[in-house]
Amino acid sequence: MLAVSRAIVEPRELLLIDEPSKGLAPVMINNMIDAFAELKASGVTILLVEQNINFAQRLGDTVAVMDNGRVVHSGSMAAFSADAQLQQSLLGLAL
């Protein structure tokens, strides 16, 4: 939440965020997603590193999946979200 607050107070063109949902209650995560969505809508570019795929899906336009430090998939978030077989093979789950 501090990163979001700082981006609102001091407008930035790019926001780099690493695991913002880690350890937060679901209600806080939803509030944070809403805040990031507002920043995105205002033209801020957000580079998000996140293990919570639902969080990433709600904000992401593009996705890169990494395994052992290598990018094993990249593409549009919409296509990734629609492909249950790809999700299963890369993440071990279907969303």
PDB file of N, CA and C in Angstrom:
ATOM      1  N   MET A   1       0.818  -1.184   0.000  1.00  0.00           N
ATOM      2  CA  MET A   1       0.000   0.000   0.000  1.00  0.00           C
ATOM      3  C   MET A   1       0.870   1.259   0.000  1.00  0.00           C
ATOM      4  N   LEU A   2       2.046   1.144   0.586  1.00  0.00           N
ATOM      5  CA  LEU A   2       2.959   2.288   0.590  1.00  0.00           C
ATOM      6  C   LEU A   2       3.367   2.656  -0.837  1.00  0.00           C
ATOM      7  N   ALA A   3       3.652   1.655  -1.672  1.00  0.00           N
ATOM      8  CA  ALA A   3       4.034   1.925  -3.062  1.00  0.00           C
ATOM      9  C   ALA A   3       2.913   2.629  -3.810  1.00  0.00           C
ATOM     10  N   VAL A   4       1.692   2.192  -3.589  1.00  0.00           N
ATOM     11  CA  VAL A   4       0.542   2.830  -4.240  1.00  0.00           C
ATOM     12  C   VAL A   4       0.421   4.264  -3.762  1.00  0.00           C
ATOM     13  N   SER A   5       0.529   4.472  -2.473  1.00  0.00           N
ATOM     14  CA  SER A   5       0.429   5.820  -1.907  1.00  0.00           C
ATOM     15  C   SER A   5       1.492   6.740  -2.479  1.00  0.00           C
ATOM     16  N   ARG A   6       2.712   6.245  -2.579  1.00  0.00           N
ATOM     17  CA  ARG A   6       3.793   7.075  -3.109  1.00  0.00           C
ATOM     18  C   ARG A   6       3.556   7.419  -4.571  1.00  0.00           C
ATOM     19  N   ALA A   7       3.021   6.465  -5.339  1.00  0.00           N
ATOM     20  CA  ALA A   7       2.754   6.713  -6.753  1.00  0.00           C
ATOM     21  C   ALA A   7       1.644   7.737  -6.942  1.00  0.00           C
ATOM     22  N   ILE A   8       0.706   7.778  -6.024  1.00  0.00           N
ATOM     23  CA  ILE A   8      -0.382   8.750  -6.106  1.00  0.00           C
ATOM     24  C   ILE A   8       0.117  10.136  -5.712  1.00  0.00           C
ATOM     25  N   VAL A   9       0.912  10.201  -4.649  1.00  0.00           N
ATOM     26  CA  VAL A   9       1.418  11.486  -4.159  1.00  0.00           C
ATOM     27  C   VAL A   9       2.437  12.083  -5.127  1.00  0.00           C
ATOM     28  N   GLU A  10       3.340  11.263  -5.609  1.00  0.00           N
ATOM     29  CA  GLU A  10       4.361  11.701  -6.564  1.00  0.00           C
ATOM     30  C   GLU A  10       4.142  10.933  -7.854  1.00  0.00           C
ATOM     31  N   PRO A  11       3.356  11.481  -8.776  1.00  0.00           N
ATOM     32  CA  PRO A  11       3.024  10.748 -10.005  1.00  0.00           C
ATOM     33  C   PRO A  11       4.274  10.244 -10.735  1.00  0.00           C
ATOM     34  N   ARG A  12       4.168   9.016 -11.213  1.00  0.00           N
ATOM     35  CA  ARG A  12       5.271   8.370 -11.919  1.00  0.00           C
ATOM     36  C   ARG A  12       4.740   7.783 -13.214  1.00  0.00           C
ATOM     37  N   GLU A  13       5.633   7.607 -14.169  1.00  0.00           N
ATOM     38  CA  GLU A  13       5.256   6.972 -15.431  1.00  0.00           C
ATOM     39  C   GLU A  13       5.380   5.467 -15.347  1.00  0.00           C
ATOM     40  N   LEU A  14       6.258   4.975 -14.477  1.00  0.00           N
ATOM     41  CA  LEU A  14       6.518   3.540 -14.351  1.00  0.00           C
ATOM     42  C   LEU A  14       6.547   3.162 -12.877  1.00  0.00           C
ATOM     43  N   LEU A  15       5.860   2.083 -12.562  1.00  0.00           N
ATOM     44  CA  LEU A  15       5.827   1.567 -11.197  1.00  0.00           C
ATOM     45  C   LEU A  15       6.285   0.116 -11.240  1.00  0.00           C
ATOM     46  N   LEU A  16       7.357  -0.211 -10.510  1.00  0.00           N
ATOM     47  CA  LEU A  16       7.866  -1.575 -10.413  1.00  0.00           C
ATOM     48  C   LEU A  16       7.425  -2.142  -9.072  1.00  0.00           C
ATOM     49  N   ILE A  17       6.691  -3.246  -9.114  1.00  0.00           N
ATOM     50  CA  ILE A  17       6.105  -3.775  -7.884  1.00  0.00           C
ATOM     51  C   ILE A  17       6.407  -5.262  -7.784  1.00  0.00           C
ATOM     52  N   ASP A  18       6.964  -5.670  -6.645  1.00  0.00           N
ATOM     53  CA  ASP A  18       7.333  -7.065  -6.420  1.00  0.00           C
ATOM     54  C   ASP A  18       6.485  -7.658  -5.302  1.00  0.00           C
ATOM     55  N   GLU A  19       5.645  -8.634  -5.634  1.00  0.00           N
ATOM     56  CA  GLU A  19       4.829  -9.386  -4.685  1.00  0.00           C
ATOM     57  C   GLU A  19       4.030  -8.494  -3.721  1.00  0.00           C
ATOM     58  N   PRO A  20       3.225  -7.567  -4.245  1.00  0.00           N
ATOM     59  CA  PRO A  20       2.498  -6.676  -3.337  1.00  0.00           C
ATOM     60  C   PRO A  20       1.438  -7.380  -2.498  1.00  0.00           C
ATOM     61  N   SER A  21       0.944  -8.526  -2.934  1.00  0.00           N
ATOM     62  CA  SER A  21      -0.135  -9.186  -2.188  1.00  0.00           C
ATOM     63  C   SER A  21       0.363 -10.135  -1.103  1.00  0.00           C
ATOM     64  N   LYS A  22       1.649 -10.341  -1.032  1.00  0.00           N
ATOM     65  CA  LYS A  22       2.205 -11.307  -0.085  1.00  0.00           C
ATOM     66  C   LYS A  22       1.833 -10.950   1.356  1.00  0.00           C
ATOM     67  N   GLY A  23       1.154 -11.879   2.014  1.00  0.00           N
ATOM     68  CA  GLY A  23       0.827 -11.723   3.420  1.00  0.00           C
ATOM     69  C   GLY A  23      -0.368 -10.835   3.716  1.00  0.00           C
ATOM     70  N   LEU A  24      -1.073 -10.389   2.692  1.00  0.00           N
ATOM     71  CA  LEU A  24      -2.208  -9.499   2.925  1.00  0.00           C
ATOM     72  C   LEU A  24      -3.521 -10.266   2.950  1.00  0.00           C
ATOM     73  N   ALA A  25      -4.468  -9.752   3.700  1.00  0.00           N
ATOM     74  CA  ALA A  25      -5.817 -10.305   3.743  1.00  0.00           C
ATOM     75  C   ALA A  25      -6.495 -10.062   2.398  1.00  0.00           C
ATOM     76  N   PRO A  26      -7.410 -10.944   1.994  1.00  0.00           N
ATOM     77  CA  PRO A  26      -8.090 -10.785   0.699  1.00  0.00           C
ATOM     78  C   PRO A  26      -8.748  -9.420   0.497  1.00  0.00           C
ATOM     79  N   VAL A  27      -9.347  -8.855   1.529  1.00  0.00           N
ATOM     80  CA  VAL A  27      -9.982  -7.543   1.369  1.00  0.00           C
ATOM     81  C   VAL A  27      -8.935  -6.472   1.039  1.00  0.00           C
ATOM     82  N   MET A  28      -7.754  -6.570   1.625  1.00  0.00           N
ATOM     83  CA  MET A  28      -6.681  -5.616   1.329  1.00  0.00           C
ATOM     84  C   MET A  28      -6.164  -5.809  -0.095  1.00  0.00           C
ATOM     85  N   ILE A  29      -6.103  -7.059  -0.525  1.00  0.00           N
ATOM     86  CA  ILE A  29      -5.649  -7.339  -1.892  1.00  0.00           C
ATOM     87  C   ILE A  29      -6.607  -6.714  -2.899  1.00  0.00           C
ATOM     88  N   ASN A  30      -7.893  -6.875  -2.678  1.00  0.00           N
ATOM     89  CA  ASN A  30      -8.877  -6.278  -3.586  1.00  0.00           C
ATOM     90  C   ASN A  30      -8.769  -4.761  -3.613  1.00  0.00           C
ATOM     91  N   ASN A  31      -8.562  -4.145  -2.466  1.00  0.00           N
ATOM     92  CA  ASN A  31      -8.369  -2.686  -2.419  1.00  0.00           C
ATOM     93  C   ASN A  31      -7.114  -2.281  -3.182  1.00  0.00           C
ATOM     94  N   MET A  32      -6.061  -3.061  -3.034  1.00  0.00           N
ATOM     95  CA  MET A  32      -4.810  -2.764  -3.713  1.00  0.00           C
ATOM     96  C   MET A  32      -4.973  -2.903  -5.228  1.00  0.00           C
ATOM     97  N   ILE A  33      -5.664  -3.939  -5.663  1.00  0.00           N
ATOM     98  CA  ILE A  33      -5.909  -4.118  -7.099  1.00  0.00           C
ATOM     99  C   ILE A  33      -6.676  -2.925  -7.650  1.00  0.00           C
ATOM    100  N   ASP A  34      -7.690  -2.484  -6.926  1.00  0.00           N
ATOM    101  CA  ASP A  34      -8.471  -1.320  -7.357  1.00  0.00           C
ATOM    102  C   ASP A  34      -7.580  -0.080  -7.480  1.00  0.00           C
ATOM    103  N   ALA A  35      -6.686   0.113  -6.522  1.00  0.00           N
ATOM    104  CA  ALA A  35      -5.787   1.265  -6.556  1.00  0.00           C
ATOM    105  C   ALA A  35      -4.831   1.179  -7.746  1.00  0.00           C
ATOM    106  N   PHE A  36      -4.277  -0.005  -7.984  1.00  0.00           N
ATOM    107  CA  PHE A  36      -3.384  -0.183  -9.142  1.00  0.00           C
ATOM    108  C   PHE A  36      -4.148   0.012 -10.450  1.00  0.00           C
ATOM    109  N   ALA A  37      -5.383  -0.457 -10.497  1.00  0.00           N
ATOM    110  CA  ALA A  37      -6.194  -0.291 -11.706  1.00  0.00           C
ATOM    111  C   ALA A  37      -6.427   1.184 -12.003  1.00  0.00           C
ATOM    112  N   GLU A  38      -6.643   1.978 -10.971  1.00  0.00           N
ATOM    113  CA  GLU A  38      -6.804   3.427 -11.158  1.00  0.00           C
ATOM    114  C   GLU A  38      -5.525   4.052 -11.691  1.00  0.00           C
ATOM    115  N   LEU A  39      -4.389   3.634 -11.143  1.00  0.00           N
ATOM    116  CA  LEU A  39      -3.110   4.146 -11.638  1.00  0.00           C
ATOM    117  C   LEU A  39      -2.911   3.762 -13.097  1.00  0.00           C
ATOM    118  N   LYS A  40      -3.202   2.520 -13.419  1.00  0.00           N
ATOM    119  CA  LYS A  40      -3.072   2.034 -14.796  1.00  0.00           C
ATOM    120  C   LYS A  40      -3.960   2.846 -15.727  1.00  0.00           C
ATOM    121  N   ALA A  41      -5.195   3.095 -15.318  1.00  0.00           N
ATOM    122  CA  ALA A  41      -6.139   3.863 -16.130  1.00  0.00           C
ATOM    123  C   ALA A  41      -5.659   5.293 -16.362  1.00  0.00           C
ATOM    124  N   SER A  42      -4.846   5.813 -15.439  1.00  0.00           N
ATOM    125  CA  SER A  42      -4.333   7.177 -15.584  1.00  0.00           C
ATOM    126  C   SER A  42      -3.091   7.238 -16.470  1.00  0.00           C
ATOM    127  N   GLY A  43      -2.646   6.074 -16.966  1.00  0.00           N
ATOM    128  CA  GLY A  43      -1.507   6.063 -17.883  1.00  0.00           C
ATOM    129  C   GLY A  43      -0.207   5.565 -17.285  1.00  0.00           C
ATOM    130  N   VAL A  44      -0.222   5.148 -16.030  1.00  0.00           N
ATOM    131  CA  VAL A  44       0.989   4.628 -15.390  1.00  0.00           C
ATOM    132  C   VAL A  44       1.243   3.211 -15.904  1.00  0.00           C
ATOM    133  N   THR A  45       2.483   2.944 -16.296  1.00  0.00           N
ATOM    134  CA  THR A  45       2.885   1.592 -16.674  1.00  0.00           C
ATOM    135  C   THR A  45       3.278   0.859 -15.407  1.00  0.00           C
ATOM    136  N   ILE A  46       2.755  -0.359 -15.234  1.00  0.00           N
ATOM    137  CA  ILE A  46       3.032  -1.147 -14.035  1.00  0.00           C
ATOM    138  C   ILE A  46       3.724  -2.441 -14.436  1.00  0.00           C
ATOM    139  N   LEU A  47       4.905  -2.655 -13.891  1.00  0.00           N
ATOM    140  CA  LEU A  47       5.603  -3.937 -14.039  1.00  0.00           C
ATOM    141  C   LEU A  47       5.406  -4.671 -12.724  1.00  0.00           C
ATOM    142  N   LEU A  48       4.616  -5.738 -12.768  1.00  0.00           N
ATOM    143  CA  LEU A  48       4.203  -6.455 -11.579  1.00  0.00           C
ATOM    144  C   LEU A  48       4.813  -7.845 -11.563  1.00  0.00           C
ATOM    145  N   VAL A  49       5.474  -8.188 -10.471  1.00  0.00           N
ATOM    146  CA  VAL A  49       5.941  -9.552 -10.229  1.00  0.00           C
ATOM    147  C   VAL A  49       5.023 -10.105  -9.155  1.00  0.00           C
ATOM    148  N   GLU A  50       4.289 -11.154  -9.510  1.00  0.00           N
ATOM    149  CA  GLU A  50       3.258 -11.639  -8.590  1.00  0.00           C
ATOM    150  C   GLU A  50       3.021 -13.131  -8.772  1.00  0.00           C
ATOM    151  N   GLN A  51       2.944 -13.873  -7.644  1.00  0.00           N
ATOM    152  CA  GLN A  51       2.633 -15.295  -7.700  1.00  0.00           C
ATOM    153  C   GLN A  51       1.130 -15.543  -7.649  1.00  0.00           C
ATOM    154  N   ASN A  52       0.370 -14.571  -7.187  1.00  0.00           N
ATOM    155  CA  ASN A  52      -1.080 -14.684  -7.121  1.00  0.00           C
ATOM    156  C   ASN A  52      -1.634 -14.414  -8.517  1.00  0.00           C
ATOM    157  N   ILE A  53      -1.939 -15.492  -9.250  1.00  0.00           N
ATOM    158  CA  ILE A  53      -2.356 -15.345 -10.643  1.00  0.00           C
ATOM    159  C   ILE A  53      -3.649 -14.555 -10.778  1.00  0.00           C
ATOM    160  N   ASN A  54      -4.549 -14.670  -9.827  1.00  0.00           N
ATOM    161  CA  ASN A  54      -5.798 -13.905  -9.894  1.00  0.00           C
ATOM    162  C   ASN A  54      -5.528 -12.403  -9.818  1.00  0.00           C
ATOM    163  N   PHE A  55      -4.587 -12.013  -8.979  1.00  0.00           N
ATOM    164  CA  PHE A  55      -4.171 -10.612  -8.873  1.00  0.00           C
ATOM    165  C   PHE A  55      -3.615 -10.162 -10.220  1.00  0.00           C
ATOM    166  N   ALA A  56      -2.701 -10.942 -10.764  1.00  0.00           N
ATOM    167  CA  ALA A  56      -2.056 -10.589 -12.031  1.00  0.00           C
ATOM    168  C   ALA A  56      -3.061 -10.520 -13.176  1.00  0.00           C
ATOM    169  N   GLN A  57      -4.009 -11.455 -13.201  1.00  0.00           N
ATOM    170  CA  GLN A  57      -5.005 -11.462 -14.268  1.00  0.00           C
ATOM    171  C   GLN A  57      -5.865 -10.213 -14.256  1.00  0.00           C
ATOM    172  N   ARG A  58      -6.175  -9.713 -13.093  1.00  0.00           N
ATOM    173  CA  ARG A  58      -7.052  -8.540 -12.997  1.00  0.00           C
ATOM    174  C   ARG A  58      -6.374  -7.257 -13.456  1.00  0.00           C
ATOM    175  N   LEU A  59      -5.041  -7.250 -13.468  1.00  0.00           N
ATOM    176  CA  LEU A  59      -4.317  -6.043 -13.879  1.00  0.00           C
ATOM    177  C   LEU A  59      -3.568  -6.177 -15.196  1.00  0.00           C
ATOM    178  N   GLY A  60      -3.163  -7.390 -15.521  1.00  0.00           N
ATOM    179  CA  GLY A  60      -2.211  -7.576 -16.610  1.00  0.00           C
ATOM    180  C   GLY A  60      -2.777  -7.498 -18.012  1.00  0.00           C
ATOM    181  N   ASP A  61      -1.992  -6.901 -18.890  1.00  0.00           N
ATOM    182  CA  ASP A  61      -2.265  -6.926 -20.325  1.00  0.00           C
ATOM    183  C   ASP A  61      -1.429  -8.026 -20.973  1.00  0.00           C
ATOM    184  N   THR A  62      -0.206  -8.168 -20.479  1.00  0.00           N
ATOM    185  CA  THR A  62       0.696  -9.205 -20.967  1.00  0.00           C
ATOM    186  C   THR A  62       1.212  -9.997 -19.778  1.00  0.00           C
ATOM    187  N   VAL A  63       1.706 -11.201 -20.058  1.00  0.00           N
ATOM    188  CA  VAL A  63       2.196 -12.068 -19.004  1.00  0.00           C
ATOM    189  C   VAL A  63       3.501 -12.718 -19.449  1.00  0.00           C
ATOM    190  N   ALA A  64       4.389 -12.906 -18.502  1.00  0.00           N
ATOM    191  CA  ALA A  64       5.603 -13.700 -18.710  1.00  0.00           C
ATOM    192  C   ALA A  64       5.683 -14.654 -17.527  1.00  0.00           C
ATOM    193  N   VAL A  65       5.740 -15.940 -17.812  1.00  0.00           N
ATOM    194  CA  VAL A  65       5.847 -16.954 -16.776  1.00  0.00           C
ATOM    195  C   VAL A  65       7.300 -17.398 -16.722  1.00  0.00           C
ATOM    196  N   MET A  66       7.864 -17.395 -15.514  1.00  0.00           N
ATOM    197  CA  MET A  66       9.257 -17.776 -15.338  1.00  0.00           C
ATOM    198  C   MET A  66       9.368 -19.077 -14.558  1.00  0.00           C
ATOM    199  N   ASP A  67      10.393 -19.844 -14.878  1.00  0.00           N
ATOM    200  CA  ASP A  67      10.715 -21.077 -14.172  1.00  0.00           C
ATOM    201  C   ASP A  67      12.227 -21.159 -14.071  1.00  0.00           C
ATOM    202  N   ASN A  68      12.726 -21.265 -12.859  1.00  0.00           N
ATOM    203  CA  ASN A  68      14.179 -21.316 -12.639  1.00  0.00           C
ATOM    204  C   ASN A  68      14.918 -20.158 -13.304  1.00  0.00           C
ATOM    205  N   GLY A  69      14.333 -18.966 -13.226  1.00  0.00           N
ATOM    206  CA  GLY A  69      14.987 -17.775 -13.756  1.00  0.00           C
ATOM    207  C   GLY A  69      14.885 -17.602 -15.256  1.00  0.00           C
ATOM    208  N   ARG A  70      14.150 -18.487 -15.937  1.00  0.00           N
ATOM    209  CA  ARG A  70      13.982 -18.392 -17.386  1.00  0.00           C
ATOM    210  C   ARG A  70      12.527 -18.091 -17.717  1.00  0.00           C
ATOM    211  N   VAL A  71      12.319 -17.258 -18.722  1.00  0.00           N
ATOM    212  CA  VAL A  71      10.962 -17.018 -19.204  1.00  0.00           C
ATOM    213  C   VAL A  71      10.574 -18.218 -20.060  1.00  0.00           C
ATOM    214  N   VAL A  72       9.526 -18.929 -19.637  1.00  0.00           N
ATOM    215  CA  VAL A  72       9.086 -20.127 -20.353  1.00  0.00           C
ATOM    216  C   VAL A  72       7.819 -19.864 -21.172  1.00  0.00           C
ATOM    217  N   HIS A  73       7.216 -18.712 -20.961  1.00  0.00           N
ATOM    218  CA  HIS A  73       6.051 -18.320 -21.752  1.00  0.00           C
ATOM    219  C   HIS A  73       5.875 -16.817 -21.652  1.00  0.00           C
ATOM    220  N   SER A  74       5.503 -16.204 -22.758  1.00  0.00           N
ATOM    221  CA  SER A  74       5.098 -14.796 -22.731  1.00  0.00           C
ATOM    222  C   SER A  74       4.014 -14.598 -23.779  1.00  0.00           C
ATOM    223  N   GLY A  75       3.131 -13.678 -23.504  1.00  0.00           N
ATOM    224  CA  GLY A  75       2.036 -13.398 -24.424  1.00  0.00           C
ATOM    225  C   GLY A  75       0.984 -12.540 -23.760  1.00  0.00           C
ATOM    226  N   SER A  76      -0.186 -12.498 -24.370  1.00  0.00           N
ATOM    227  CA  SER A  76      -1.251 -11.673 -23.805  1.00  0.00           C
ATOM    228  C   SER A  76      -1.874 -12.382 -22.603  1.00  0.00           C
ATOM    229  N   MET A  77      -2.275 -11.605 -21.629  1.00  0.00           N
ATOM    230  CA  MET A  77      -2.921 -12.168 -20.445  1.00  0.00           C
ATOM    231  C   MET A  77      -4.269 -12.767 -20.825  1.00  0.00           C
ATOM    232  N   ALA A  78      -4.991 -12.138 -21.748  1.00  0.00           N
ATOM    233  CA  ALA A  78      -6.292 -12.657 -22.159  1.00  0.00           C
ATOM    234  C   ALA A  78      -6.157 -14.055 -22.766  1.00  0.00           C
ATOM    235  N   ALA A  79      -5.177 -14.243 -23.639  1.00  0.00           N
ATOM    236  CA  ALA A  79      -4.969 -15.553 -24.263  1.00  0.00           C
ATOM    237  C   ALA A  79      -4.538 -16.584 -23.222  1.00  0.00           C
ATOM    238  N   PHE A  80      -3.661 -16.186 -22.321  1.00  0.00           N
ATOM    239  CA  PHE A  80      -3.193 -17.088 -21.267  1.00  0.00           C
ATOM    240  C   PHE A  80      -4.357 -17.498 -20.369  1.00  0.00           C
ATOM    241  N   SER A  81      -5.185 -16.541 -20.003  1.00  0.00           N
ATOM    242  CA  SER A  81      -6.326 -16.806 -19.119  1.00  0.00           C
ATOM    243  C   SER A  81      -7.352 -17.727 -19.768  1.00  0.00           C
ATOM    244  N   ALA A  82      -7.446 -17.669 -21.083  1.00  0.00           N
ATOM    245  CA  ALA A  82      -8.430 -18.482 -21.804  1.00  0.00           C
ATOM    246  C   ALA A  82      -7.941 -19.894 -22.109  1.00  0.00           C
ATOM    247  N   ASP A  83      -6.659 -20.160 -21.887  1.00  0.00           N
ATOM    248  CA  ASP A  83      -6.074 -21.446 -22.265  1.00  0.00           C
ATOM    249  C   ASP A  83      -5.791 -22.307 -21.022  1.00  0.00           C
ATOM    250  N   ALA A  84      -6.782 -23.085 -20.619  1.00  0.00           N
ATOM    251  CA  ALA A  84      -6.656 -23.915 -19.409  1.00  0.00           C
ATOM    252  C   ALA A  84      -5.525 -24.930 -19.530  1.00  0.00           C
ATOM    253  N   GLN A  85      -5.312 -25.465 -20.717  1.00  0.00           N
ATOM    254  CA  GLN A  85      -4.246 -26.451 -20.905  1.00  0.00           C
ATOM    255  C   GLN A  85      -2.871 -25.809 -20.698  1.00  0.00           C
ATOM    256  N   LEU A  86      -2.684 -24.611 -21.209  1.00  0.00           N
ATOM    257  CA  LEU A  86      -1.417 -23.898 -21.015  1.00  0.00           C
ATOM    258  C   LEU A  86      -1.203 -23.574 -19.541  1.00  0.00           C
ATOM    259  N   GLN A  87      -2.243 -23.126 -18.868  1.00  0.00           N
ATOM    260  CA  GLN A  87      -2.141 -22.836 -17.431  1.00  0.00           C
ATOM    261  C   GLN A  87      -1.740 -24.098 -16.663  1.00  0.00           C
ATOM    262  N   GLN A  88      -2.390 -25.203 -17.006  1.00  0.00           N
ATOM    263  CA  GLN A  88      -2.097 -26.477 -16.336  1.00  0.00           C
ATOM    264  C   GLN A  88      -0.640 -26.879 -16.543  1.00  0.00           C
ATOM    265  N   SER A  89      -0.156 -26.735 -17.765  1.00  0.00           N
ATOM    266  CA  SER A  89       1.214 -27.167 -18.054  1.00  0.00           C
ATOM    267  C   SER A  89       2.258 -26.251 -17.399  1.00  0.00           C
ATOM    268  N   LEU A  90       1.966 -24.959 -17.316  1.00  0.00           N
ATOM    269  CA  LEU A  90       2.947 -24.018 -16.759  1.00  0.00           C
ATOM    270  C   LEU A  90       2.828 -23.828 -15.255  1.00  0.00           C
ATOM    271  N   LEU A  91       1.596 -23.833 -14.764  1.00  0.00           N
ATOM    272  CA  LEU A  91       1.375 -23.499 -13.363  1.00  0.00           C
ATOM    273  C   LEU A  91       0.898 -24.680 -12.539  1.00  0.00           C
ATOM    274  N   GLY A  92       0.496 -25.748 -13.208  1.00  0.00           N
ATOM    275  CA  GLY A  92      -0.017 -26.908 -12.493  1.00  0.00           C
ATOM    276  C   GLY A  92      -1.438 -26.715 -12.010  1.00  0.00           C
ATOM    277  N   LEU A  93      -2.137 -25.739 -12.601  1.00  0.00           N
ATOM    278  CA  LEU A  93      -3.529 -25.505 -12.221  1.00  0.00           C
ATOM    279  C   LEU A  93      -4.279 -24.921 -13.389  1.00  0.00           C
ATOM    280  N   ALA A  94      -5.560 -25.008 -13.334  1.00  0.00           N
ATOM    281  CA  ALA A  94      -6.415 -24.395 -14.343  1.00  0.00           C
ATOM    282  C   ALA A  94      -7.275 -23.348 -13.635  1.00  0.00           C
ATOM    283  N   LEU A  95      -7.286 -22.166 -14.188  1.00  0.00           N
ATOM    284  CA  LEU A  95      -8.024 -21.069 -13.558  1.00  0.00           C
ATOM    285  C   LEU A  95      -9.408 -21.002 -14.134  1.00  0.00           C
TER     286      LEU A  95
END
